[in-house]
Amino acid sequence: MNLKQLSQLLGISQTTISRALNGYPEVSAETRRRVMEAAEKTGYRPNAAAQRLATGKVGSIGLVMPIGEHHRSDVHFGEFLSGLGEEASRSGFHLVIMPTEPEKEREALRGLAASGSVDGIYLAYMKKNDARIAMMQSLSLPFLVHGRSVGVEEDYPYLDVDNEGAFRDATQLLLQLGHTRIGLLNGPEGYDFTYRRCLGVEKALAANGLTLHPNNKRHGSMTDEEGYLGMEALLSQPEKPTAILCASTALALGAIRSMNQRGLKPGKDISLIAHDDVLPLLKPDNFSVPLTTTRSSLRAAGVRVGQRLINRIKFAQMEPHQELWKAELVVRSSTGPAPKA
């Protein structure tokens, strides 16, 4: 069954059928229902070239992915991408991924936008004062940002988790448990999310007359190895922190390895809280001591970014709609009262 045959069967133009299958709002609900039912019964699948001619769309969303030290083993991005890909597939879209060196990212974005091979672009790994936003605003192509950018006016479409609020709430829990020496194992320096997470810790401490000592703050890739090295550095100080916040469960895995080698138990000797509660390979309940976490699903965020970007493409939604998701604090056994001096 091809498009011409389906058109003859239904007595509907080929253009209307293509628009119905692609969710265009000008097609009536009754016509869309007839087309969808007939396509399912006959096993019709739209030809990509014909679809492009009828709709002016190629059915693809693009991502320029930086390659480098902090991205090679990023399980977090893989989880997000699985949600995005799932939604794209469900909506009949393809993902076009263009790896590039970080310093060539804007050039690659311009090239991808000009190529005509994508209908929209998703921006990831947002940094402070990120120039990619202004560049995308200058192009006539739908885009959506996962995250935000400190220093850039928020007049662009984004979906972000409240990183500042998540780490403020986590720090407040530790303060309520009597901890005053608190450390932070954070992600790579310069990224928006790491800045906001640190800000959340600092604001909670400041509200209680405390500060985050520079020696108690570490930046690095969010991996098991960085978690181990960061915890080793924190625990080698004369005045060790009694509680540690980790920017991911991957960092927490390495941090606990360091603690185990020193005979220290999470929740008793040192309290531990990590972000990213729902990574399938690092479930908090599977740690030797169940891990207190701030929960925000990366897969769900990927699905939602896919939905919103595809809607912007299909329905020419250009308003800068913004979403900020609140993270949930899930208390388990890795947090406890501060040890007595």
C-alpha atoms as a PDB file:
ATOM      1  CA  MET A   1       0.000   0.000   0.000  1.00  0.00           C
ATOM      2  CA  ASN A   2       1.419   3.367  -1.045  1.00  0.00           C
ATOM      3  CA  LEU A   3       0.198   6.919  -0.465  1.00  0.00           C
ATOM      4  CA  LYS A   4      -1.606   7.142  -3.828  1.00  0.00           C
ATOM      5  CA  GLN A   5      -3.488   3.889  -3.179  1.00  0.00           C
ATOM      6  CA  LEU A   6      -4.465   4.984   0.332  1.00  0.00           C
ATOM      7  CA  SER A   7      -5.665   8.301  -1.107  1.00  0.00           C
ATOM      8  CA  GLN A   8      -7.860   6.488  -3.657  1.00  0.00           C
ATOM      9  CA  LEU A   9      -9.203   4.131  -0.995  1.00  0.00           C
ATOM     10  CA  LEU A  10     -10.297   6.959   1.296  1.00  0.00           C
ATOM     11  CA  GLY A  11     -11.162   9.571  -1.309  1.00  0.00           C
ATOM     12  CA  ILE A  12      -8.857  12.022   0.472  1.00  0.00           C
ATOM     13  CA  SER A  13      -5.959  13.950  -1.047  1.00  0.00           C
ATOM     14  CA  GLN A  14      -2.415  12.717  -0.498  1.00  0.00           C
ATOM     15  CA  THR A  15      -1.461  15.997   1.178  1.00  0.00           C
ATOM     16  CA  THR A  16      -4.335  15.702   3.678  1.00  0.00           C
ATOM     17  CA  ILE A  17      -3.336  12.121   4.500  1.00  0.00           C
ATOM     18  CA  SER A  18       0.267  13.180   5.156  1.00  0.00           C
ATOM     19  CA  ARG A  19      -0.869  16.047   7.341  1.00  0.00           C
ATOM     20  CA  ALA A  20      -3.269  13.788   9.263  1.00  0.00           C
ATOM     21  CA  LEU A  21      -0.525  11.246   9.954  1.00  0.00           C
ATOM     22  CA  ASN A  22       1.789  14.027  11.158  1.00  0.00           C
ATOM     23  CA  GLY A  23      -0.733  15.542  13.568  1.00  0.00           C
ATOM     24  CA  TYR A  24      -1.333  18.872  11.831  1.00  0.00           C
ATOM     25  CA  PRO A  25      -4.098  20.817  13.656  1.00  0.00           C
ATOM     26  CA  GLU A  26      -5.934  21.944  10.494  1.00  0.00           C
ATOM     27  CA  VAL A  27      -7.002  18.331   9.827  1.00  0.00           C
ATOM     28  CA  SER A  28     -10.334  17.515  11.485  1.00  0.00           C
ATOM     29  CA  ALA A  29     -10.496  14.873  14.203  1.00  0.00           C
ATOM     30  CA  GLU A  30     -12.840  12.722  12.088  1.00  0.00           C
ATOM     31  CA  THR A  31     -10.530  12.811   9.057  1.00  0.00           C
ATOM     32  CA  ARG A  32      -7.516  12.019  11.218  1.00  0.00           C
ATOM     33  CA  ARG A  33      -9.377   9.059  12.758  1.00  0.00           C
ATOM     34  CA  ARG A  34     -10.283   7.669   9.316  1.00  0.00           C
ATOM     35  CA  VAL A  35      -6.720   8.033   8.055  1.00  0.00           C
ATOM     36  CA  MET A  36      -5.150   6.453  11.154  1.00  0.00           C
ATOM     37  CA  GLU A  37      -7.556   3.496  11.081  1.00  0.00           C
ATOM     38  CA  ALA A  38      -6.997   2.889   7.370  1.00  0.00           C
ATOM     39  CA  ALA A  39      -3.213   3.157   7.730  1.00  0.00           C
ATOM     40  CA  GLU A  40      -3.263   0.606  10.551  1.00  0.00           C
ATOM     41  CA  LYS A  41      -5.524  -1.838   8.672  1.00  0.00           C
ATOM     42  CA  THR A  42      -3.550  -1.644   5.432  1.00  0.00           C
ATOM     43  CA  GLY A  43      -0.107  -1.509   7.047  1.00  0.00           C
ATOM     44  CA  TYR A  44       0.689   1.752   5.290  1.00  0.00           C
ATOM     45  CA  ARG A  45       3.974   3.414   6.249  1.00  0.00           C
ATOM     46  CA  PRO A  46       4.721   6.875   4.817  1.00  0.00           C
ATOM     47  CA  ASN A  47       7.634   7.184   2.400  1.00  0.00           C
ATOM     48  CA  ALA A  48      10.152   9.626   3.861  1.00  0.00           C
ATOM     49  CA  ALA A  49      10.695  11.529   0.609  1.00  0.00           C
ATOM     50  CA  ALA A  50       6.971  11.852  -0.062  1.00  0.00           C
ATOM     51  CA  GLN A  51       6.389  12.902   3.517  1.00  0.00           C
ATOM     52  CA  ARG A  52       8.979  15.659   3.165  1.00  0.00           C
ATOM     53  CA  LEU A  53       7.352  16.954  -0.028  1.00  0.00           C
ATOM     54  CA  ALA A  54       3.891  16.980   1.541  1.00  0.00           C
ATOM     55  CA  THR A  55       4.777  18.511   4.895  1.00  0.00           C
ATOM     56  CA  GLY A  56       8.030  20.383   4.359  1.00  0.00           C
ATOM     57  CA  LYS A  57       9.458  18.342   7.253  1.00  0.00           C
ATOM     58  CA  VAL A  58      12.160  15.663   7.289  1.00  0.00           C
ATOM     59  CA  GLY A  59      10.993  13.971  10.493  1.00  0.00           C
ATOM     60  CA  SER A  60      14.275  14.349  12.389  1.00  0.00           C
ATOM     61  CA  ILE A  61      15.524  16.152  15.472  1.00  0.00           C
ATOM     62  CA  GLY A  62      19.198  16.917  15.906  1.00  0.00           C
ATOM     63  CA  LEU A  63      21.788  17.071  18.634  1.00  0.00           C
ATOM     64  CA  VAL A  64      25.364  18.285  18.425  1.00  0.00           C
ATOM     65  CA  MET A  65      27.143  16.190  21.063  1.00  0.00           C
ATOM     66  CA  PRO A  66      30.475  17.401  22.443  1.00  0.00           C
ATOM     67  CA  ILE A  67      33.168  14.751  22.725  1.00  0.00           C
ATOM     68  CA  GLY A  68      35.795  15.007  25.411  1.00  0.00           C
ATOM     69  CA  GLU A  69      36.916  14.038  28.885  1.00  0.00           C
ATOM     70  CA  HIS A  70      33.623  14.693  30.686  1.00  0.00           C
ATOM     71  CA  HIS A  71      31.373  13.062  28.066  1.00  0.00           C
ATOM     72  CA  ARG A  72      32.993   9.706  27.235  1.00  0.00           C
ATOM     73  CA  SER A  73      31.407   7.758  30.094  1.00  0.00           C
ATOM     74  CA  ASP A  74      28.347   9.867  30.890  1.00  0.00           C
ATOM     75  CA  VAL A  75      25.688   7.376  32.024  1.00  0.00           C
ATOM     76  CA  HIS A  76      23.398  10.310  32.824  1.00  0.00           C
ATOM     77  CA  PHE A  77      23.244  11.483  29.219  1.00  0.00           C
ATOM     78  CA  GLY A  78      22.635   7.920  28.039  1.00  0.00           C
ATOM     79  CA  GLU A  79      19.604   7.664  30.317  1.00  0.00           C
ATOM     80  CA  PHE A  80      18.249  11.004  29.078  1.00  0.00           C
ATOM     81  CA  LEU A  81      18.864  10.030  25.453  1.00  0.00           C
ATOM     82  CA  SER A  82      16.962   6.769  25.890  1.00  0.00           C
ATOM     83  CA  GLY A  83      13.864   8.761  26.904  1.00  0.00           C
ATOM     84  CA  LEU A  84      14.309  11.233  24.054  1.00  0.00           C
ATOM     85  CA  GLY A  85      14.797   8.435  21.528  1.00  0.00           C
ATOM     86  CA  GLU A  86      11.777   6.563  22.862  1.00  0.00           C
ATOM     87  CA  GLU A  87       9.545   9.611  22.343  1.00  0.00           C
ATOM     88  CA  ALA A  88      11.030  10.398  18.927  1.00  0.00           C
ATOM     89  CA  SER A  89      10.370   6.842  17.746  1.00  0.00           C
ATOM     90  CA  ARG A  90       6.820   6.921  19.108  1.00  0.00           C
ATOM     91  CA  SER A  91       6.191  10.147  17.146  1.00  0.00           C
ATOM     92  CA  GLY A  92       7.767   8.879  13.924  1.00  0.00           C
ATOM     93  CA  PHE A  93      10.896  11.035  14.222  1.00  0.00           C
ATOM     94  CA  HIS A  94      14.566  10.118  13.889  1.00  0.00           C
ATOM     95  CA  LEU A  95      17.479  11.328  16.005  1.00  0.00           C
ATOM     96  CA  VAL A  96      20.448  12.852  14.195  1.00  0.00           C
ATOM     97  CA  ILE A  97      23.525  13.017  16.451  1.00  0.00           C
ATOM     98  CA  MET A  98      26.596  14.949  15.326  1.00  0.00           C
ATOM     99  CA  PRO A  99      29.675  14.424  17.548  1.00  0.00           C
ATOM    100  CA  THR A 100      32.096  17.344  17.577  1.00  0.00           C
ATOM    101  CA  GLU A 101      34.921  18.909  19.544  1.00  0.00           C
ATOM    102  CA  PRO A 102      33.548  21.312  22.215  1.00  0.00           C
ATOM    103  CA  GLU A 103      35.291  24.342  20.687  1.00  0.00           C
ATOM    104  CA  LYS A 104      33.613  23.641  17.322  1.00  0.00           C
ATOM    105  CA  GLU A 105      30.113  23.154  18.704  1.00  0.00           C
ATOM    106  CA  ARG A 106      28.575  26.422  17.491  1.00  0.00           C
ATOM    107  CA  GLU A 107      30.021  25.899  14.023  1.00  0.00           C
ATOM    108  CA  ALA A 108      28.556  22.381  13.987  1.00  0.00           C
ATOM    109  CA  LEU A 109      25.151  23.674  15.115  1.00  0.00           C
ATOM    110  CA  ARG A 110      25.075  26.201  12.283  1.00  0.00           C
ATOM    111  CA  GLY A 111      26.033  23.497   9.802  1.00  0.00           C
ATOM    112  CA  LEU A 112      23.380  21.098  11.081  1.00  0.00           C
ATOM    113  CA  ALA A 113      20.691  23.792  10.956  1.00  0.00           C
ATOM    114  CA  ALA A 114      21.692  24.819   7.415  1.00  0.00           C
ATOM    115  CA  SER A 115      21.869  21.236   6.131  1.00  0.00           C
ATOM    116  CA  GLY A 116      18.099  20.764   6.038  1.00  0.00           C
ATOM    117  CA  SER A 117      18.533  17.323   7.606  1.00  0.00           C
ATOM    118  CA  VAL A 118      16.702  18.183  10.863  1.00  0.00           C
ATOM    119  CA  ASP A 119      13.458  19.975  11.761  1.00  0.00           C
ATOM    120  CA  GLY A 120      14.604  21.049  15.209  1.00  0.00           C
ATOM    121  CA  ILE A 121      17.582  20.975  17.559  1.00  0.00           C
ATOM    122  CA  TYR A 122      17.972  20.062  21.203  1.00  0.00           C
ATOM    123  CA  LEU A 123      20.713  21.743  23.254  1.00  0.00           C
ATOM    124  CA  ALA A 124      22.467  19.879  26.078  1.00  0.00           C
ATOM    125  CA  TYR A 125      25.389  20.347  28.481  1.00  0.00           C
ATOM    126  CA  MET A 126      24.493  23.973  29.182  1.00  0.00           C
ATOM    127  CA  LYS A 127      27.224  26.249  30.502  1.00  0.00           C
ATOM    128  CA  LYS A 128      27.155  29.629  32.214  1.00  0.00           C
ATOM    129  CA  ASN A 129      26.710  32.465  29.668  1.00  0.00           C
ATOM    130  CA  ASP A 130      26.140  29.864  26.952  1.00  0.00           C
ATOM    131  CA  ALA A 131      26.426  31.593  23.550  1.00  0.00           C
ATOM    132  CA  ARG A 132      24.611  28.757  21.773  1.00  0.00           C
ATOM    133  CA  ILE A 133      21.239  30.094  22.950  1.00  0.00           C
ATOM    134  CA  ALA A 134      21.581  33.468  21.208  1.00  0.00           C
ATOM    135  CA  MET A 135      22.886  31.694  18.121  1.00  0.00           C
ATOM    136  CA  MET A 136      19.857  29.376  17.967  1.00  0.00           C
ATOM    137  CA  GLN A 137      17.519  32.330  18.518  1.00  0.00           C
ATOM    138  CA  SER A 138      19.018  33.927  15.400  1.00  0.00           C
ATOM    139  CA  LEU A 139      18.144  30.882  13.268  1.00  0.00           C
ATOM    140  CA  SER A 140      14.691  30.045  11.911  1.00  0.00           C
ATOM    141  CA  LEU A 141      14.678  26.551  13.397  1.00  0.00           C
ATOM    142  CA  PRO A 142      12.771  25.262  16.454  1.00  0.00           C
ATOM    143  CA  PHE A 143      15.006  24.422  19.417  1.00  0.00           C
ATOM    144  CA  LEU A 144      14.672  23.392  23.042  1.00  0.00           C
ATOM    145  CA  VAL A 145      17.165  23.531  25.892  1.00  0.00           C
ATOM    146  CA  HIS A 146      17.608  20.834  28.531  1.00  0.00           C
ATOM    147  CA  GLY A 147      18.832  22.946  31.431  1.00  0.00           C
ATOM    148  CA  ARG A 148      19.396  26.694  31.681  1.00  0.00           C
ATOM    149  CA  SER A 149      22.282  29.137  31.449  1.00  0.00           C
ATOM    150  CA  VAL A 150      23.230  31.525  34.249  1.00  0.00           C
ATOM    151  CA  GLY A 151      23.928  34.942  32.782  1.00  0.00           C
ATOM    152  CA  VAL A 152      21.547  34.548  29.820  1.00  0.00           C
ATOM    153  CA  GLU A 153      18.097  36.154  29.904  1.00  0.00           C
ATOM    154  CA  GLU A 154      15.500  33.396  30.262  1.00  0.00           C
ATOM    155  CA  ASP A 155      13.557  34.154  27.075  1.00  0.00           C
ATOM    156  CA  TYR A 156      14.189  30.747  25.497  1.00  0.00           C
ATOM    157  CA  PRO A 157      12.309  27.419  25.744  1.00  0.00           C
ATOM    158  CA  TYR A 158      13.746  25.025  28.313  1.00  0.00           C
ATOM    159  CA  LEU A 159      13.112  22.137  30.648  1.00  0.00           C
ATOM    160  CA  ASP A 160      15.267  22.007  33.763  1.00  0.00           C
ATOM    161  CA  VAL A 161      15.306  20.438  37.196  1.00  0.00           C
ATOM    162  CA  ASP A 162      15.537  22.798  40.171  1.00  0.00           C
ATOM    163  CA  ASN A 163      19.153  21.934  40.962  1.00  0.00           C
ATOM    164  CA  GLU A 164      19.535  24.793  43.430  1.00  0.00           C
ATOM    165  CA  GLY A 165      16.401  23.790  45.324  1.00  0.00           C
ATOM    166  CA  ALA A 166      17.359  20.102  45.350  1.00  0.00           C
ATOM    167  CA  PHE A 167      20.763  20.721  46.944  1.00  0.00           C
ATOM    168  CA  ARG A 168      19.396  23.381  49.284  1.00  0.00           C
ATOM    169  CA  ASP A 169      16.828  20.873  50.608  1.00  0.00           C
ATOM    170  CA  ALA A 170      19.463  18.136  50.896  1.00  0.00           C
ATOM    171  CA  THR A 171      21.786  20.471  52.825  1.00  0.00           C
ATOM    172  CA  GLN A 172      18.958  21.511  55.136  1.00  0.00           C
ATOM    173  CA  LEU A 173      18.367  17.851  56.006  1.00  0.00           C
ATOM    174  CA  LEU A 174      22.036  17.483  56.961  1.00  0.00           C
ATOM    175  CA  LEU A 175      21.908  20.658  59.044  1.00  0.00           C
ATOM    176  CA  GLN A 176      18.835  19.351  60.860  1.00  0.00           C
ATOM    177  CA  LEU A 177      20.828  16.213  61.677  1.00  0.00           C
ATOM    178  CA  GLY A 178      23.494  18.381  63.325  1.00  0.00           C
ATOM    179  CA  HIS A 179      26.125  18.429  60.565  1.00  0.00           C
ATOM    180  CA  THR A 180      28.129  21.644  60.190  1.00  0.00           C
ATOM    181  CA  ARG A 181      31.165  20.384  58.239  1.00  0.00           C
ATOM    182  CA  ILE A 182      29.609  19.534  54.872  1.00  0.00           C
ATOM    183  CA  GLY A 183      31.447  18.634  51.662  1.00  0.00           C
ATOM    184  CA  LEU A 184      30.375  18.659  48.009  1.00  0.00           C
ATOM    185  CA  LEU A 185      31.505  16.300  45.236  1.00  0.00           C
ATOM    186  CA  ASN A 186      30.228  18.212  42.218  1.00  0.00           C
ATOM    187  CA  GLY A 187      30.239  17.781  38.447  1.00  0.00           C
ATOM    188  CA  PRO A 188      32.590  19.537  36.009  1.00  0.00           C
ATOM    189  CA  GLU A 189      33.219  23.220  36.695  1.00  0.00           C
ATOM    190  CA  GLY A 190      31.624  25.755  34.342  1.00  0.00           C
ATOM    191  CA  TYR A 191      28.356  23.924  33.737  1.00  0.00           C
ATOM    192  CA  ASP A 192      25.094  25.552  34.768  1.00  0.00           C
ATOM    193  CA  PHE A 193      23.824  22.611  36.809  1.00  0.00           C
ATOM    194  CA  THR A 194      27.024  22.373  38.867  1.00  0.00           C
ATOM    195  CA  TYR A 195      26.883  26.108  39.596  1.00  0.00           C
ATOM    196  CA  ARG A 196      23.256  25.895  40.759  1.00  0.00           C
ATOM    197  CA  ARG A 197      23.872  22.811  42.919  1.00  0.00           C
ATOM    198  CA  CYS A 198      26.773  24.530  44.663  1.00  0.00           C
ATOM    199  CA  LEU A 199      24.625  27.647  45.092  1.00  0.00           C
ATOM    200  CA  GLY A 200      21.915  25.593  46.794  1.00  0.00           C
ATOM    201  CA  VAL A 201      24.433  24.216  49.299  1.00  0.00           C
ATOM    202  CA  GLU A 202      25.920  27.652  49.965  1.00  0.00           C
ATOM    203  CA  LYS A 203      22.526  29.300  50.499  1.00  0.00           C
ATOM    204  CA  ALA A 204      21.409  26.644  52.984  1.00  0.00           C
ATOM    205  CA  LEU A 205      24.677  26.964  54.902  1.00  0.00           C
ATOM    206  CA  ALA A 206      24.557  30.783  54.856  1.00  0.00           C
ATOM    207  CA  ALA A 207      21.036  30.739  56.313  1.00  0.00           C
ATOM    208  CA  ASN A 208      22.574  28.956  59.311  1.00  0.00           C
ATOM    209  CA  GLY A 209      25.643  31.186  59.619  1.00  0.00           C
ATOM    210  CA  LEU A 210      27.954  28.678  57.912  1.00  0.00           C
ATOM    211  CA  THR A 211      30.045  28.620  54.726  1.00  0.00           C
ATOM    212  CA  LEU A 212      31.193  25.952  52.283  1.00  0.00           C
ATOM    213  CA  HIS A 213      34.948  25.826  52.798  1.00  0.00           C
ATOM    214  CA  PRO A 214      36.890  25.767  49.477  1.00  0.00           C
ATOM    215  CA  ASN A 215      38.731  22.619  50.615  1.00  0.00           C
ATOM    216  CA  ASN A 216      35.379  20.846  51.019  1.00  0.00           C
ATOM    217  CA  LYS A 217      34.337  21.377  47.398  1.00  0.00           C
ATOM    218  CA  ARG A 218      35.525  19.199  44.497  1.00  0.00           C
ATOM    219  CA  HIS A 219      34.754  19.350  40.757  1.00  0.00           C
ATOM    220  CA  GLY A 220      35.225  16.560  38.236  1.00  0.00           C
ATOM    221  CA  SER A 221      33.597  14.110  35.843  1.00  0.00           C
ATOM    222  CA  MET A 222      30.608  12.335  37.349  1.00  0.00           C
ATOM    223  CA  THR A 223      32.182   8.891  37.510  1.00  0.00           C
ATOM    224  CA  ASP A 224      32.982   6.256  40.106  1.00  0.00           C
ATOM    225  CA  GLU A 225      36.706   7.050  39.832  1.00  0.00           C
ATOM    226  CA  GLU A 226      36.202  10.798  40.377  1.00  0.00           C
ATOM    227  CA  GLY A 227      33.992  10.024  43.362  1.00  0.00           C
ATOM    228  CA  TYR A 228      36.738   7.884  44.862  1.00  0.00           C
ATOM    229  CA  LEU A 229      39.472  10.473  44.275  1.00  0.00           C
ATOM    230  CA  GLY A 230      37.293  13.308  45.535  1.00  0.00           C
ATOM    231  CA  MET A 231      36.382  11.459  48.720  1.00  0.00           C
ATOM    232  CA  GLU A 232      40.016  10.540  49.318  1.00  0.00           C
ATOM    233  CA  ALA A 233      40.912  14.238  49.141  1.00  0.00           C
ATOM    234  CA  LEU A 234      38.101  15.251  51.505  1.00  0.00           C
ATOM    235  CA  LEU A 235      38.930  12.544  54.048  1.00  0.00           C
ATOM    236  CA  SER A 236      42.654  13.374  54.008  1.00  0.00           C
ATOM    237  CA  GLN A 237      42.042  16.769  55.619  1.00  0.00           C
ATOM    238  CA  PRO A 238      42.671  17.364  59.331  1.00  0.00           C
ATOM    239  CA  GLU A 239      39.051  18.574  59.722  1.00  0.00           C
ATOM    240  CA  LYS A 240      37.093  16.003  57.753  1.00  0.00           C
ATOM    241  CA  PRO A 241      33.504  16.713  56.658  1.00  0.00           C
ATOM    242  CA  THR A 242      30.902  14.700  58.542  1.00  0.00           C
ATOM    243  CA  ALA A 243      28.494  14.774  55.588  1.00  0.00           C
ATOM    244  CA  ILE A 244      28.995  14.746  51.812  1.00  0.00           C
ATOM    245  CA  LEU A 245      26.681  15.754  48.978  1.00  0.00           C
ATOM    246  CA  CYS A 246      27.347  14.010  45.641  1.00  0.00           C
ATOM    247  CA  ALA A 247      26.179  15.392  42.292  1.00  0.00           C
ATOM    248  CA  SER A 248      25.352  11.853  41.117  1.00  0.00           C
ATOM    249  CA  THR A 249      25.013   8.282  42.336  1.00  0.00           C
ATOM    250  CA  ALA A 250      28.057   7.426  40.180  1.00  0.00           C
ATOM    251  CA  LEU A 251      30.156   9.776  42.330  1.00  0.00           C
ATOM    252  CA  ALA A 252      28.582   8.273  45.456  1.00  0.00           C
ATOM    253  CA  LEU A 253      29.658   4.789  44.361  1.00  0.00           C
ATOM    254  CA  GLY A 254      33.303   5.874  44.320  1.00  0.00           C
ATOM    255  CA  ALA A 255      32.909   7.866  47.532  1.00  0.00           C
ATOM    256  CA  ILE A 256      31.627   4.782  49.345  1.00  0.00           C
ATOM    257  CA  ARG A 257      34.547   2.734  48.007  1.00  0.00           C
ATOM    258  CA  SER A 258      36.899   5.235  49.654  1.00  0.00           C
ATOM    259  CA  MET A 259      34.917   5.055  52.899  1.00  0.00           C
ATOM    260  CA  ASN A 260      34.952   1.260  52.890  1.00  0.00           C
ATOM    261  CA  GLN A 261      38.749   1.225  52.599  1.00  0.00           C
ATOM    262  CA  ARG A 262      38.914   3.411  55.695  1.00  0.00           C
ATOM    263  CA  GLY A 263      36.389   1.367  57.654  1.00  0.00           C
ATOM    264  CA  LEU A 264      33.802   4.178  57.607  1.00  0.00           C
ATOM    265  CA  LYS A 265      30.089   3.441  57.353  1.00  0.00           C
ATOM    266  CA  PRO A 266      27.598   5.693  55.498  1.00  0.00           C
ATOM    267  CA  GLY A 267      24.932   7.084  57.801  1.00  0.00           C
ATOM    268  CA  LYS A 268      26.994   6.421  60.907  1.00  0.00           C
ATOM    269  CA  ASP A 269      30.495   7.829  60.444  1.00  0.00           C
ATOM    270  CA  ILE A 270      29.727  10.052  57.447  1.00  0.00           C
ATOM    271  CA  SER A 271      26.324  10.941  55.996  1.00  0.00           C
ATOM    272  CA  LEU A 272      25.937  10.779  52.232  1.00  0.00           C
ATOM    273  CA  ILE A 273      23.326  12.221  49.836  1.00  0.00           C
ATOM    274  CA  ALA A 274      23.428  11.846  46.036  1.00  0.00           C
ATOM    275  CA  HIS A 275      21.450  13.157  43.060  1.00  0.00           C
ATOM    276  CA  ASP A 276      19.893  11.010  40.277  1.00  0.00           C
ATOM    277  CA  ASP A 277      17.741   8.534  42.156  1.00  0.00           C
ATOM    278  CA  VAL A 278      16.471   6.564  39.175  1.00  0.00           C
ATOM    279  CA  LEU A 279      19.525   5.527  37.139  1.00  0.00           C
ATOM    280  CA  PRO A 280      18.785   1.841  36.376  1.00  0.00           C
ATOM    281  CA  LEU A 281      22.412   0.702  36.839  1.00  0.00           C
ATOM    282  CA  LEU A 282      22.867   2.577  40.137  1.00  0.00           C
ATOM    283  CA  LYS A 283      19.714   2.023  42.153  1.00  0.00           C
ATOM    284  CA  PRO A 284      20.024   3.624  45.623  1.00  0.00           C
ATOM    285  CA  ASP A 285      18.454   0.624  47.377  1.00  0.00           C
ATOM    286  CA  ASN A 286      21.170  -1.654  45.944  1.00  0.00           C
ATOM    287  CA  PHE A 287      24.035   0.185  47.669  1.00  0.00           C
ATOM    288  CA  SER A 288      25.564  -1.530  50.715  1.00  0.00           C
ATOM    289  CA  VAL A 289      23.734   1.103  52.765  1.00  0.00           C
ATOM    290  CA  PRO A 290      20.581   2.381  50.972  1.00  0.00           C
ATOM    291  CA  LEU A 291      21.378   5.851  49.684  1.00  0.00           C
ATOM    292  CA  THR A 292      19.506   9.052  50.526  1.00  0.00           C
ATOM    293  CA  THR A 293      18.913  10.844  47.220  1.00  0.00           C
ATOM    294  CA  THR A 294      17.313  13.743  45.418  1.00  0.00           C
ATOM    295  CA  ARG A 295      15.074  12.174  42.779  1.00  0.00           C
ATOM    296  CA  SER A 296      14.519  13.492  39.264  1.00  0.00           C
ATOM    297  CA  SER A 297      14.100  11.098  36.342  1.00  0.00           C
ATOM    298  CA  LEU A 298      16.439  11.748  33.421  1.00  0.00           C
ATOM    299  CA  ARG A 299      14.480   9.339  31.231  1.00  0.00           C
ATOM    300  CA  ALA A 300      11.233  11.219  31.956  1.00  0.00           C
ATOM    301  CA  ALA A 301      13.005  14.489  31.143  1.00  0.00           C
ATOM    302  CA  GLY A 302      14.142  13.011  27.821  1.00  0.00           C
ATOM    303  CA  VAL A 303      10.590  11.967  26.974  1.00  0.00           C
ATOM    304  CA  ARG A 304       9.248  15.420  27.849  1.00  0.00           C
ATOM    305  CA  VAL A 305      11.934  17.253  25.848  1.00  0.00           C
ATOM    306  CA  GLY A 306      11.070  15.029  22.882  1.00  0.00           C
ATOM    307  CA  GLN A 307       7.353  15.774  23.219  1.00  0.00           C
ATOM    308  CA  ARG A 308       7.877  19.511  23.449  1.00  0.00           C
ATOM    309  CA  LEU A 309      10.417  19.794  20.641  1.00  0.00           C
ATOM    310  CA  ILE A 310       8.296  17.697  18.278  1.00  0.00           C
ATOM    311  CA  ASN A 311       5.219  19.797  19.123  1.00  0.00           C
ATOM    312  CA  ARG A 312       7.203  22.951  18.376  1.00  0.00           C
ATOM    313  CA  ILE A 313       8.131  21.462  15.004  1.00  0.00           C
ATOM    314  CA  LYS A 314       4.645  20.230  14.090  1.00  0.00           C
ATOM    315  CA  PHE A 315       2.589  23.152  15.315  1.00  0.00           C
ATOM    316  CA  ALA A 316       5.064  26.029  14.917  1.00  0.00           C
ATOM    317  CA  GLN A 317       4.962  26.741  18.664  1.00  0.00           C
ATOM    318  CA  MET A 318       7.557  29.478  19.024  1.00  0.00           C
ATOM    319  CA  GLU A 319       6.694  30.943  22.437  1.00  0.00           C
ATOM    320  CA  PRO A 320       9.493  30.356  25.010  1.00  0.00           C
ATOM    321  CA  HIS A 321       7.554  27.942  27.230  1.00  0.00           C
ATOM    322  CA  GLN A 322       9.609  26.934  30.268  1.00  0.00           C
ATOM    323  CA  GLU A 323       9.391  24.086  32.780  1.00  0.00           C
ATOM    324  CA  LEU A 324      11.227  23.753  36.082  1.00  0.00           C
ATOM    325  CA  TRP A 325      10.851  20.373  37.767  1.00  0.00           C
ATOM    326  CA  LYS A 326      11.188  20.062  41.521  1.00  0.00           C
ATOM    327  CA  ALA A 327      13.355  17.184  42.740  1.00  0.00           C
ATOM    328  CA  GLU A 328      12.070  14.928  45.516  1.00  0.00           C
ATOM    329  CA  LEU A 329      14.229  14.261  48.580  1.00  0.00           C
ATOM    330  CA  VAL A 330      14.123  10.529  49.381  1.00  0.00           C
ATOM    331  CA  VAL A 331      15.559   9.739  52.813  1.00  0.00           C
ATOM    332  CA  ARG A 332      17.161   6.335  53.309  1.00  0.00           C
ATOM    333  CA  SER A 333      19.845   4.904  55.596  1.00  0.00           C
ATOM    334  CA  SER A 334      22.945   6.770  54.365  1.00  0.00           C
ATOM    335  CA  THR A 335      22.084   9.872  56.412  1.00  0.00           C
ATOM    336  CA  GLY A 336      22.150  10.059  60.186  1.00  0.00           C
ATOM    337  CA  PRO A 337      23.013  12.335  63.107  1.00  0.00           C
ATOM    338  CA  ALA A 338      26.396  14.047  63.100  1.00  0.00           C
ATOM    339  CA  PRO A 339      28.985  12.022  65.056  1.00  0.00           C
ATOM    340  CA  LYS A 340      29.675  13.377  68.520  1.00  0.00           C
ATOM    341  CA  ALA A 341      33.043  15.076  68.877  1.00  0.00           C
END
